[in-house]
């Protein structure tokens, strides 16, 4: 297990992050690990493998994930200072708030909701602080100045060490960090975003922005909601009970994706590894990626996923996967690349 610096901060995290979205009774049909003993087995196995980074959110099973994860960490032999705990704020924490029919302040990134939510998260996690407090998405009705000042107050109060962002567009990240700079508040140190072999949209703008702005990328859904487990093949029905069979997310170009799975299947046979290990290992060597979040429900899945840290690719294998999955350049990227050719070429004197 490698430990990498999170963005431009001094914080080091394990290259594999344990995602606790599966903890609780239900989050979009995903949360299935509701017994504490089952969660303890997963968390303790991750710790034994060298994982020190754990990610959750208040909205995952409406707080149950935080509560179960916090208890599992306390039930382990690790001390609080030995682990890095990340959680998030933004989602609706009641049905009424989700519908917008009542409890209207129990959602979003207002000062009221952020300051209430951090206290509730800390109580559920059973800790005095979180290492990374992340906004879970853009709030179109709250001024970014209000959000960033509230986050600064959370850090100032010692309730979070760093702040991060998830699911923001480039312009939103830049605005947020500009506000932080103007008021002397903490900048975002991380970007939690979707990235996979069958979902490389991040490479259009966000990866460059993350690298230039000093944000470490934390990858969510690295197996594309189960599509890259090898269980989904062209012309076959997906397995019953699988996540993607009931919750077809994130979106995937399936015909192109099946070609990727076929290529991974061939490589897996040649290398003596599994398709998920290859998909995760590919992400671990991508520019800008700090940590890949894995969310599992069974110890066997966790053990398999953790094996990705030992997988290596040849240059030919990487080129083959790149040819199959590289997204077409969008404007202005293709124009920027074209105009930069003469400026970046090595000059040679006669």
Foldseek 3Di string as FASTA:
>chain_A
DDWDDFFPDNDTFDQAEAEQLLEEDDDLNRNDNDDLVLVLVLVQVCVVLPGQHYEEECRSNNLRSLLSVLVSVVVYPDDPVSHAYEYEFFAANDPCCVVVNDPVLCGGQALVNLVVVLVSSCVSSVHQAHAEYEYAEDDPPHPLLRNQVSVQVCCVVVRYVAYAYEHDDLVVLVVNQVSCVVVVGGHHQAYEYADWLQDHPCVQPPLVSCNVVRGAYEHDPHCFQVLQQLQDAPPDDGDPPRRCNSPVDDDGPVVLSNVLSVLLVVVCVVVVAGRLLVGSLLQSPDRRHRHYYDYDSDPVVSVRNSVSVVDDDDPVSNVVSCVSRPDDHDPPVVVVVVVCPVVPDDDDDD
